[in-house]
Amino acid sequence: MDQNYTQVLTEVGASLTTMAVKGTVTAINTRVKALKVEKDAEKVRNAYDEIVNELISEREEAIRIAQTYKAELDRIEISDEDIEHLHNTVARILEIIKTIQIASAMLKGPEEVEKVKTQVGSYEQMKELISVDTLKTMQLLGFNYKAAIGEPLTEICANTITNWGNKNKNSQTGNKNRK
């Protein structure tokens, strides 16, 4: 789990604990009972306004906490629709790779075609691993796909783009130095 994720959950957990310990219901019941003996209507009205404002504030805090927990859950959870989309995309990509590899192998001979067919079989097995049941089960066991797969892919892409930029700079610098 990354540090930001842990920190957010810790802060929200602390806020939730504070709300639970506060005992708002008991405190408000005590205040309402005390107000029943009060004769000054202005003091009663002000006290009730204060109670209502406190309840509204706590409700807003509870909603904020719930939304934070929901956002953190959404950050790591993959929906069934996302898994189906991933499965279909991988299937299409594997079909393209399979077609290219078989066409290439046909040029090299029958032995190469057999090797490619064996390799394609392993692709099909990998594709079958990407199913709602398999991925949901792994997720229930605590696997975070977005962190395990998404973050490294993001880093690889970022590094590749940075390297392309550096190569372009170096080739342009080299061309300027030769002139």
Protein backbone atom coordinates (compact mmCIF):
# COMPACT_ATOMS: atom_id res chain seq x y z
CA MET A 1 0.00 0.00 0.00
CA ASP A 2 1.44 3.38 -0.87
CA GLN A 3 2.09 5.97 1.80
CA ASN A 4 -0.55 8.48 0.60
CA TYR A 5 -3.24 5.79 0.67
CA THR A 6 -2.29 4.76 4.20
CA GLN A 7 -2.11 8.37 5.38
CA VAL A 8 -5.56 9.23 3.99
CA LEU A 9 -7.14 6.16 5.61
CA THR A 10 -5.43 6.94 8.92
CA GLU A 11 -6.69 10.54 8.92
CA VAL A 12 -10.22 9.51 8.00
CA GLY A 13 -10.16 6.75 10.62
CA ALA A 14 -9.10 9.26 13.25
CA SER A 15 -11.97 11.58 12.27
CA LEU A 16 -14.42 8.70 12.45
CA THR A 17 -13.10 7.69 15.88
CA THR A 18 -13.47 11.27 17.12
CA MET A 19 -17.07 11.34 15.94
CA ALA A 20 -17.82 7.99 17.60
CA VAL A 21 -16.25 8.97 20.91
CA LYS A 22 -17.98 12.35 20.95
CA GLY A 23 -21.30 10.80 21.95
CA THR A 24 -23.37 13.44 20.22
CA VAL A 25 -26.69 11.68 20.74
CA THR A 26 -26.24 11.41 24.50
CA ALA A 27 -25.00 14.98 24.81
CA ILE A 28 -27.90 16.34 22.74
CA ASN A 29 -30.48 14.33 24.70
CA THR A 30 -29.06 15.78 27.92
CA ARG A 31 -29.20 19.32 26.50
CA VAL A 32 -32.78 18.85 25.24
CA LYS A 33 -33.92 17.59 28.66
CA ALA A 34 -32.28 20.59 30.31
CA LEU A 35 -34.08 22.92 27.88
CA LYS A 36 -37.49 21.54 28.85
CA VAL A 37 -37.31 23.35 32.19
CA GLU A 38 -36.06 26.61 30.66
CA LYS A 39 -38.74 29.32 30.55
CA ASP A 40 -36.97 31.93 28.41
CA ALA A 41 -38.13 31.32 24.81
CA GLU A 42 -35.15 33.18 23.30
CA LYS A 43 -32.64 30.98 25.18
CA VAL A 44 -34.54 27.84 24.14
CA ARG A 45 -34.62 28.91 20.49
CA ASN A 46 -30.88 29.73 20.50
CA ALA A 47 -30.07 26.42 22.18
CA TYR A 48 -32.12 24.46 19.63
CA ASP A 49 -30.48 26.38 16.77
CA GLU A 50 -27.10 25.48 18.24
CA ILE A 51 -28.10 21.79 18.51
CA VAL A 52 -29.40 21.71 14.93
CA ASN A 53 -26.24 23.38 13.62
CA GLU A 54 -24.09 20.88 15.53
CA LEU A 55 -26.07 17.96 14.09
CA ILE A 56 -25.79 19.36 10.56
CA SER A 57 -22.05 19.83 11.00
CA GLU A 58 -21.60 16.26 12.23
CA ARG A 59 -23.73 14.93 9.38
CA GLU A 60 -21.53 16.78 6.88
CA GLU A 61 -18.42 15.35 8.54
CA ALA A 62 -19.89 11.81 8.40
CA ILE A 63 -20.69 12.27 4.69
CA ARG A 64 -17.17 13.57 4.03
CA ILE A 65 -15.67 10.53 5.77
CA ALA A 66 -17.93 8.13 3.85
CA GLN A 67 -17.04 9.81 0.55
CA THR A 68 -13.33 9.59 1.36
CA TYR A 69 -13.59 5.87 2.12
CA LYS A 70 -15.60 5.38 -1.10
CA ALA A 71 -13.03 7.30 -3.16
CA GLU A 72 -10.20 5.20 -1.72
CA LEU A 73 -12.12 2.00 -2.46
CA ASP A 74 -12.85 3.14 -6.02
CA ARG A 75 -9.16 3.88 -6.44
CA ILE A 76 -8.23 0.23 -6.01
CA GLU A 77 -11.34 -1.67 -7.09
CA ILE A 78 -11.86 -2.87 -10.64
CA SER A 79 -15.50 -3.16 -11.68
CA ASP A 80 -16.95 -6.14 -13.55
CA GLU A 81 -17.38 -3.91 -16.62
CA ASP A 82 -13.70 -2.90 -16.46
CA ILE A 83 -12.67 -6.56 -16.24
CA GLU A 84 -14.88 -7.50 -19.21
CA HIS A 85 -13.41 -4.61 -21.21
CA LEU A 86 -9.88 -5.70 -20.25
CA HIS A 87 -10.65 -9.31 -21.25
CA ASN A 88 -12.03 -8.25 -24.65
CA THR A 89 -9.09 -5.93 -25.31
CA VAL A 90 -6.53 -8.59 -24.40
CA ALA A 91 -8.37 -11.10 -26.61
CA ARG A 92 -8.19 -8.72 -29.60
CA ILE A 93 -4.51 -7.96 -29.00
CA LEU A 94 -3.67 -11.65 -28.69
CA GLU A 95 -5.50 -12.36 -31.95
CA ILE A 96 -3.43 -9.72 -33.72
CA ILE A 97 -0.18 -11.04 -32.23
CA LYS A 98 -1.18 -14.61 -33.09
CA THR A 99 -1.89 -13.68 -36.72
CA ILE A 100 1.40 -11.82 -37.07
CA GLN A 101 3.44 -14.61 -35.47
CA ILE A 102 1.82 -17.39 -37.50
CA ALA A 103 2.31 -15.45 -40.74
CA SER A 104 5.95 -14.86 -39.85
CA ALA A 105 6.44 -18.51 -38.85
CA MET A 106 4.95 -19.76 -42.13
CA LEU A 107 7.79 -18.07 -43.95
CA LYS A 108 10.32 -19.99 -41.84
CA GLY A 109 8.82 -23.46 -42.14
CA PRO A 110 6.58 -26.03 -40.45
CA GLU A 111 8.76 -26.43 -37.35
CA GLU A 112 8.50 -22.74 -36.60
CA VAL A 113 4.72 -22.85 -37.13
CA GLU A 114 4.44 -25.59 -34.48
CA LYS A 115 6.50 -23.55 -32.02
CA VAL A 116 4.25 -20.55 -32.59
CA LYS A 117 1.10 -22.67 -32.13
CA THR A 118 2.43 -23.86 -28.76
CA GLN A 119 3.20 -20.29 -27.78
CA VAL A 120 -0.26 -19.17 -28.90
CA GLY A 121 -1.77 -21.83 -26.61
CA SER A 122 -0.08 -20.17 -23.64
CA TYR A 123 -1.55 -16.84 -24.77
CA GLU A 124 -5.01 -18.37 -24.67
CA GLN A 125 -4.40 -19.64 -21.13
CA MET A 126 -3.29 -16.17 -20.07
CA LYS A 127 -6.42 -14.67 -21.63
CA GLU A 128 -8.60 -17.09 -19.66
CA LEU A 129 -7.02 -15.84 -16.42
CA ILE A 130 -8.53 -12.44 -17.15
CA SER A 131 -12.08 -13.26 -16.13
CA VAL A 132 -14.45 -11.61 -13.68
CA ASP A 133 -14.35 -14.61 -11.32
CA THR A 134 -10.56 -14.90 -11.25
CA LEU A 135 -9.82 -11.20 -10.93
CA LYS A 136 -12.56 -10.55 -8.34
CA THR A 137 -11.29 -13.47 -6.24
CA MET A 138 -7.74 -12.13 -6.36
CA GLN A 139 -9.03 -8.67 -5.50
CA LEU A 140 -10.98 -10.05 -2.52
CA LEU A 141 -7.73 -11.62 -1.34
CA GLY A 142 -6.17 -8.15 -1.32
CA PHE A 143 -4.48 -7.90 -4.71
CA ASN A 144 -4.38 -4.31 -5.95
CA TYR A 145 -4.20 -4.44 -9.74
CA LYS A 146 -3.93 -0.73 -10.20
CA ALA A 147 -0.87 -0.57 -7.95
CA ALA A 148 0.71 -3.84 -9.10
CA ILE A 149 0.17 -3.40 -12.83
CA GLY A 150 -0.94 0.16 -13.49
CA GLU A 151 1.77 2.01 -11.59
CA PRO A 152 4.70 0.06 -13.12
CA LEU A 153 3.19 0.47 -16.60
CA THR A 154 2.85 4.18 -15.98
CA GLU A 155 6.50 4.37 -14.92
CA ILE A 156 7.64 2.35 -17.95
CA CYS A 157 5.70 4.64 -20.30
CA ALA A 158 7.02 7.76 -18.57
CA ASN A 159 10.60 6.49 -18.73
CA THR A 160 10.23 5.53 -22.39
CA ILE A 161 8.86 8.94 -23.30
CA THR A 162 11.61 10.64 -21.29
CA ASN A 163 14.26 8.52 -23.03
CA TRP A 164 12.79 9.37 -26.44
CA GLY A 165 12.98 13.04 -25.52
CA ASN A 166 16.58 12.64 -24.31
CA LYS A 167 17.56 10.77 -27.50
CA ASN A 168 16.04 13.53 -29.62
CA LYS A 169 17.90 16.18 -27.61
CA ASN A 170 21.17 14.24 -27.86
CA SER A 171 20.81 13.68 -31.62
CA GLN A 172 19.97 17.35 -32.15
CA THR A 173 22.92 18.38 -29.99
CA GLY A 174 25.17 15.98 -31.87
CA ASN A 175 24.02 17.38 -35.22
CA LYS A 176 24.69 20.95 -34.04
CA ASN A 177 28.19 20.00 -32.83
CA ARG A 178 29.03 18.41 -36.24
CA LYS A 179 28.07 21.55 -38.15
